Amino acid sequence: MRRLTVITYPDERLKVPSVEVVSFDEELQKFVEDLVYTMKTSPGCVGLASPQVGVHKRIVVVDTSASKHKENKVSHGLLVLVNPVIVQREGEFVVREGCLSVPDYTGNVKRHYWIRLQAMNEKGKLVELETEGFEAVVIQHEIDHLDGKLFLERLVSPKDLFKRKVYKV
């Protein structure tokens, strides 16, 4: 496994929408391993999308199981979501988000509290799940990356962007 280089704002590659994955081969599985390794070795990271490392394919990895976030009531552990689609959503709330690709800021963003989604795993098997709270927020955040969007575009208001004081290591 290797640690991939994370692209940071304002790099224009972060605005490029990703394409659907059609081949679930060994190359994909190796890339997913590298993506998971990069997420797990990045302090405070609970999700990573492939466009953040310059690969514009619809691949997301999420693991909120170690998070102490107050909205982390549900965690499915490590999730590998290929071609994820949110098929149902309910409730809205405002939550503070950060991002490896926007390392110096956090911001208040409105997200859905509960989602149901469908995706494939790295082997091409269908994954269907419901989740809520923090895990749902992380998944929505990462799917935004697949569509070329950053949390900066979803701020509740321009006043809801905050300079990050300290990076927790």
C-alpha atoms as a PDB file:
ATOM      1  CA  MET A   1       0.000   0.000   0.000  1.00  0.00           C
ATOM      2  CA  ARG A   2       1.097   3.506  -0.684  1.00  0.00           C
ATOM      3  CA  ARG A   3       0.022   6.881   0.612  1.00  0.00           C
ATOM      4  CA  LEU A   4      -1.479   8.936  -2.186  1.00  0.00           C
ATOM      5  CA  THR A   5      -0.973  12.686  -2.543  1.00  0.00           C
ATOM      6  CA  VAL A   6      -4.084  14.680  -1.655  1.00  0.00           C
ATOM      7  CA  ILE A   7      -4.921  17.596  -3.938  1.00  0.00           C
ATOM      8  CA  THR A   8      -5.787  20.854  -2.147  1.00  0.00           C
ATOM      9  CA  TYR A   9      -7.982  23.820  -2.957  1.00  0.00           C
ATOM     10  CA  PRO A  10      -7.867  25.840  -5.223  1.00  0.00           C
ATOM     11  CA  ASP A  11      -6.616  23.107  -7.583  1.00  0.00           C
ATOM     12  CA  GLU A  12      -9.054  23.011 -10.528  1.00  0.00           C
ATOM     13  CA  ARG A  13      -8.991  19.195 -10.615  1.00  0.00           C
ATOM     14  CA  LEU A  14     -11.251  19.232  -7.547  1.00  0.00           C
ATOM     15  CA  LYS A  15     -14.032  20.689  -9.727  1.00  0.00           C
ATOM     16  CA  VAL A  16     -13.970  17.880 -12.296  1.00  0.00           C
ATOM     17  CA  PRO A  17     -16.934  15.454 -12.081  1.00  0.00           C
ATOM     18  CA  SER A  18     -16.009  11.781 -11.868  1.00  0.00           C
ATOM     19  CA  VAL A  19     -16.969   8.987 -14.249  1.00  0.00           C
ATOM     20  CA  GLU A  20     -18.686   5.751 -13.347  1.00  0.00           C
ATOM     21  CA  VAL A  21     -16.512   2.713 -12.636  1.00  0.00           C
ATOM     22  CA  VAL A  22     -17.180  -0.131 -15.084  1.00  0.00           C
ATOM     23  CA  SER A  23     -14.266  -2.481 -14.434  1.00  0.00           C
ATOM     24  CA  PHE A  24     -13.965  -4.184 -11.037  1.00  0.00           C
ATOM     25  CA  ASP A  25     -10.514  -5.599 -11.615  1.00  0.00           C
ATOM     26  CA  GLU A  26      -7.306  -6.038  -9.645  1.00  0.00           C
ATOM     27  CA  GLU A  27      -6.200  -2.499 -10.525  1.00  0.00           C
ATOM     28  CA  LEU A  28      -9.350  -1.093  -8.900  1.00  0.00           C
ATOM     29  CA  GLN A  29      -8.857  -3.213  -5.787  1.00  0.00           C
ATOM     30  CA  LYS A  30      -5.245  -2.038  -5.459  1.00  0.00           C
ATOM     31  CA  PHE A  31      -6.312   1.589  -5.849  1.00  0.00           C
ATOM     32  CA  VAL A  32      -8.998   1.145  -3.167  1.00  0.00           C
ATOM     33  CA  GLU A  33      -6.345  -0.286  -0.802  1.00  0.00           C
ATOM     34  CA  ASP A  34      -4.196   2.814  -1.403  1.00  0.00           C
ATOM     35  CA  LEU A  35      -7.193   5.104  -0.913  1.00  0.00           C
ATOM     36  CA  VAL A  36      -8.094   3.413   2.397  1.00  0.00           C
ATOM     37  CA  TYR A  37      -4.452   3.573   3.536  1.00  0.00           C
ATOM     38  CA  THR A  38      -4.305   7.288   2.690  1.00  0.00           C
ATOM     39  CA  MET A  39      -7.509   7.938   4.641  1.00  0.00           C
ATOM     40  CA  LYS A  40      -6.379   5.949   7.668  1.00  0.00           C
ATOM     41  CA  THR A  41      -2.940   7.610   7.782  1.00  0.00           C
ATOM     42  CA  SER A  42      -4.306  11.159   7.488  1.00  0.00           C
ATOM     43  CA  PRO A  43      -4.980  12.667  10.940  1.00  0.00           C
ATOM     44  CA  GLY A  44      -8.676  13.111  11.667  1.00  0.00           C
ATOM     45  CA  CYS A  45      -9.720  11.759   8.287  1.00  0.00           C
ATOM     46  CA  VAL A  46     -12.980   9.756   8.166  1.00  0.00           C
ATOM     47  CA  GLY A  47     -13.617   9.799   4.424  1.00  0.00           C
ATOM     48  CA  LEU A  48     -11.815  10.212   1.136  1.00  0.00           C
ATOM     49  CA  ALA A  49     -12.988  10.408  -2.462  1.00  0.00           C
ATOM     50  CA  SER A  50     -10.875   9.415  -5.432  1.00  0.00           C
ATOM     51  CA  PRO A  51     -10.927  12.890  -7.076  1.00  0.00           C
ATOM     52  CA  GLN A  52      -9.070  14.177  -4.006  1.00  0.00           C
ATOM     53  CA  VAL A  53      -6.084  12.123  -5.160  1.00  0.00           C
ATOM     54  CA  GLY A  54      -6.482  13.006  -8.843  1.00  0.00           C
ATOM     55  CA  VAL A  55      -8.449   9.940  -9.962  1.00  0.00           C
ATOM     56  CA  HIS A  56     -11.794  10.991 -11.423  1.00  0.00           C
ATOM     57  CA  LYS A  57     -13.709   7.778 -10.886  1.00  0.00           C
ATOM     58  CA  ARG A  58     -16.758   7.421  -8.621  1.00  0.00           C
ATOM     59  CA  ILE A  59     -15.030   5.828  -5.622  1.00  0.00           C
ATOM     60  CA  VAL A  60     -15.413   6.788  -1.957  1.00  0.00           C
ATOM     61  CA  VAL A  61     -14.042   5.277   1.250  1.00  0.00           C
ATOM     62  CA  VAL A  62     -15.545   6.109   4.650  1.00  0.00           C
ATOM     63  CA  ASP A  63     -14.867   4.936   8.203  1.00  0.00           C
ATOM     64  CA  THR A  64     -16.424   6.847  11.101  1.00  0.00           C
ATOM     65  CA  SER A  65     -16.059   4.008  13.614  1.00  0.00           C
ATOM     66  CA  ALA A  66     -13.317   5.751  15.634  1.00  0.00           C
ATOM     67  CA  SER A  67     -14.928   9.207  15.545  1.00  0.00           C
ATOM     68  CA  LYS A  68     -16.115  10.825  18.741  1.00  0.00           C
ATOM     69  CA  HIS A  69     -18.328  13.271  16.824  1.00  0.00           C
ATOM     70  CA  LYS A  70     -21.535  13.903  18.770  1.00  0.00           C
ATOM     71  CA  GLU A  71     -23.698  12.899  15.772  1.00  0.00           C
ATOM     72  CA  ASN A  72     -21.852   9.577  15.295  1.00  0.00           C
ATOM     73  CA  LYS A  73     -24.691   7.310  16.429  1.00  0.00           C
ATOM     74  CA  VAL A  74     -24.332   4.848  13.542  1.00  0.00           C
ATOM     75  CA  SER A  75     -21.169   3.483  11.983  1.00  0.00           C
ATOM     76  CA  HIS A  76     -20.930   0.639   9.527  1.00  0.00           C
ATOM     77  CA  GLY A  77     -17.137   0.541   9.892  1.00  0.00           C
ATOM     78  CA  LEU A  78     -15.071   0.725   6.738  1.00  0.00           C
ATOM     79  CA  LEU A  79     -17.230   1.388   3.690  1.00  0.00           C
ATOM     80  CA  VAL A  80     -15.971   1.165   0.131  1.00  0.00           C
ATOM     81  CA  LEU A  81     -18.583   2.772  -2.097  1.00  0.00           C
ATOM     82  CA  VAL A  82     -18.158   2.550  -5.859  1.00  0.00           C
ATOM     83  CA  ASN A  83     -20.678   4.453  -8.009  1.00  0.00           C
ATOM     84  CA  PRO A  84     -22.690   5.522  -4.921  1.00  0.00           C
ATOM     85  CA  VAL A  85     -26.171   6.947  -5.373  1.00  0.00           C
ATOM     86  CA  ILE A  86     -28.331   8.404  -2.611  1.00  0.00           C
ATOM     87  CA  VAL A  87     -31.814   7.078  -3.304  1.00  0.00           C
ATOM     88  CA  GLN A  88     -33.630   8.601  -0.334  1.00  0.00           C
ATOM     89  CA  ARG A  89     -32.903  11.350   2.194  1.00  0.00           C
ATOM     90  CA  GLU A  90     -34.693  12.857   5.158  1.00  0.00           C
ATOM     91  CA  GLY A  91     -34.228  15.610   7.715  1.00  0.00           C
ATOM     92  CA  GLU A  92     -31.803  18.479   7.611  1.00  0.00           C
ATOM     93  CA  PHE A  93     -29.380  19.884  10.112  1.00  0.00           C
ATOM     94  CA  VAL A  94     -26.350  22.128  10.158  1.00  0.00           C
ATOM     95  CA  VAL A  95     -22.990  20.533  10.889  1.00  0.00           C
ATOM     96  CA  ARG A  96     -19.387  21.769  10.912  1.00  0.00           C
ATOM     97  CA  GLU A  97     -17.313  20.153   8.166  1.00  0.00           C
ATOM     98  CA  GLY A  98     -13.644  20.025   7.328  1.00  0.00           C
ATOM     99  CA  CYS A  99     -11.790  18.454   4.428  1.00  0.00           C
ATOM    100  CA  LEU A 100      -8.300  17.204   3.617  1.00  0.00           C
ATOM    101  CA  SER A 101      -8.524  19.160   0.374  1.00  0.00           C
ATOM    102  CA  VAL A 102      -9.333  22.383   2.264  1.00  0.00           C
ATOM    103  CA  PRO A 103      -6.889  21.928   5.140  1.00  0.00           C
ATOM    104  CA  ASP A 104      -7.013  25.405   6.678  1.00  0.00           C
ATOM    105  CA  TYR A 105     -10.778  25.888   7.044  1.00  0.00           C
ATOM    106  CA  THR A 106     -13.964  24.369   8.411  1.00  0.00           C
ATOM    107  CA  GLY A 107     -17.496  25.500   7.745  1.00  0.00           C
ATOM    108  CA  ASN A 108     -21.134  25.112   8.686  1.00  0.00           C
ATOM    109  CA  VAL A 109     -23.031  23.162   6.048  1.00  0.00           C
ATOM    110  CA  LYS A 110     -26.644  21.993   5.817  1.00  0.00           C
ATOM    111  CA  ARG A 111     -26.901  18.228   5.215  1.00  0.00           C
ATOM    112  CA  HIS A 112     -29.548  15.543   5.332  1.00  0.00           C
ATOM    113  CA  TYR A 113     -29.647  13.713   8.659  1.00  0.00           C
ATOM    114  CA  TRP A 114     -30.683  10.312   7.242  1.00  0.00           C
ATOM    115  CA  ILE A 115     -29.887   8.736   3.864  1.00  0.00           C
ATOM    116  CA  ARG A 116     -30.406   5.465   2.026  1.00  0.00           C
ATOM    117  CA  LEU A 117     -27.894   4.670  -0.672  1.00  0.00           C
ATOM    118  CA  GLN A 118     -26.881   2.072  -3.194  1.00  0.00           C
ATOM    119  CA  ALA A 119     -23.361   1.426  -4.426  1.00  0.00           C
ATOM    120  CA  MET A 120     -21.038  -1.378  -5.367  1.00  0.00           C
ATOM    121  CA  ASN A 121     -18.054  -2.505  -3.332  1.00  0.00           C
ATOM    122  CA  GLU A 122     -14.594  -2.872  -4.866  1.00  0.00           C
ATOM    123  CA  LYS A 123     -15.474  -6.385  -6.073  1.00  0.00           C
ATOM    124  CA  GLY A 124     -18.649  -5.258  -7.855  1.00  0.00           C
ATOM    125  CA  LYS A 125     -21.104  -6.537  -5.226  1.00  0.00           C
ATOM    126  CA  LEU A 126     -24.209  -4.419  -4.581  1.00  0.00           C
ATOM    127  CA  VAL A 127     -24.169  -2.516  -1.269  1.00  0.00           C
ATOM    128  CA  GLU A 128     -27.392  -1.031   0.090  1.00  0.00           C
ATOM    129  CA  LEU A 129     -27.483   0.773   3.400  1.00  0.00           C
ATOM    130  CA  GLU A 130     -29.251   3.304   5.540  1.00  0.00           C
ATOM    131  CA  THR A 131     -27.337   5.601   7.825  1.00  0.00           C
ATOM    132  CA  GLU A 132     -27.794   8.783   9.803  1.00  0.00           C
ATOM    133  CA  GLY A 133     -25.971  11.535  11.627  1.00  0.00           C
ATOM    134  CA  PHE A 134     -22.244  11.920  11.170  1.00  0.00           C
ATOM    135  CA  GLU A 135     -21.761   8.888   8.908  1.00  0.00           C
ATOM    136  CA  ALA A 136     -24.513  10.190   6.598  1.00  0.00           C
ATOM    137  CA  VAL A 137     -22.844  13.611   6.539  1.00  0.00           C
ATOM    138  CA  VAL A 138     -19.462  12.119   5.637  1.00  0.00           C
ATOM    139  CA  ILE A 139     -20.970  10.076   2.804  1.00  0.00           C
ATOM    140  CA  GLN A 140     -22.780  13.144   1.418  1.00  0.00           C
ATOM    141  CA  HIS A 141     -19.548  15.163   1.668  1.00  0.00           C
ATOM    142  CA  GLU A 142     -17.578  12.513  -0.227  1.00  0.00           C
ATOM    143  CA  ILE A 143     -20.246  12.087  -2.921  1.00  0.00           C
ATOM    144  CA  ASP A 144     -20.058  15.848  -3.461  1.00  0.00           C
ATOM    145  CA  HIS A 145     -16.373  15.376  -4.340  1.00  0.00           C
ATOM    146  CA  LEU A 146     -17.431  12.890  -7.030  1.00  0.00           C
ATOM    147  CA  ASP A 147     -19.599  15.640  -8.518  1.00  0.00           C
ATOM    148  CA  GLY A 148     -16.783  18.217  -8.416  1.00  0.00           C
ATOM    149  CA  LYS A 149     -18.151  20.072  -5.376  1.00  0.00           C
ATOM    150  CA  LEU A 150     -16.465  21.163  -2.147  1.00  0.00           C
ATOM    151  CA  PHE A 151     -18.132  21.931   1.177  1.00  0.00           C
ATOM    152  CA  LEU A 152     -17.190  25.577   0.494  1.00  0.00           C
ATOM    153  CA  GLU A 153     -20.042  25.653  -2.046  1.00  0.00           C
ATOM    154  CA  ARG A 154     -22.559  24.458   0.548  1.00  0.00           C
ATOM    155  CA  LEU A 155     -21.836  26.884   3.383  1.00  0.00           C
ATOM    156  CA  VAL A 156     -24.950  28.066   5.211  1.00  0.00           C
ATOM    157  CA  SER A 157     -23.659  31.624   4.700  1.00  0.00           C
ATOM    158  CA  PRO A 158     -20.322  33.298   3.918  1.00  0.00           C
ATOM    159  CA  LYS A 159     -19.958  33.975   7.661  1.00  0.00           C
ATOM    160  CA  ASP A 160     -19.961  30.211   8.298  1.00  0.00           C
ATOM    161  CA  LEU A 161     -16.373  29.663   7.142  1.00  0.00           C
ATOM    162  CA  PHE A 162     -13.792  29.408   9.935  1.00  0.00           C
ATOM    163  CA  LYS A 163     -10.008  29.381   9.930  1.00  0.00           C
ATOM    164  CA  ARG A 164      -8.866  26.095  11.463  1.00  0.00           C
ATOM    165  CA  LYS A 165      -7.008  26.887  14.679  1.00  0.00           C
ATOM    166  CA  VAL A 166      -5.010  23.712  15.179  1.00  0.00           C
ATOM    167  CA  TYR A 167      -4.630  20.473  13.307  1.00  0.00           C
ATOM    168  CA  LYS A 168      -5.142  17.574  15.686  1.00  0.00           C
ATOM    169  CA  VAL A 169      -2.486  14.955  15.069  1.00  0.00           C
END
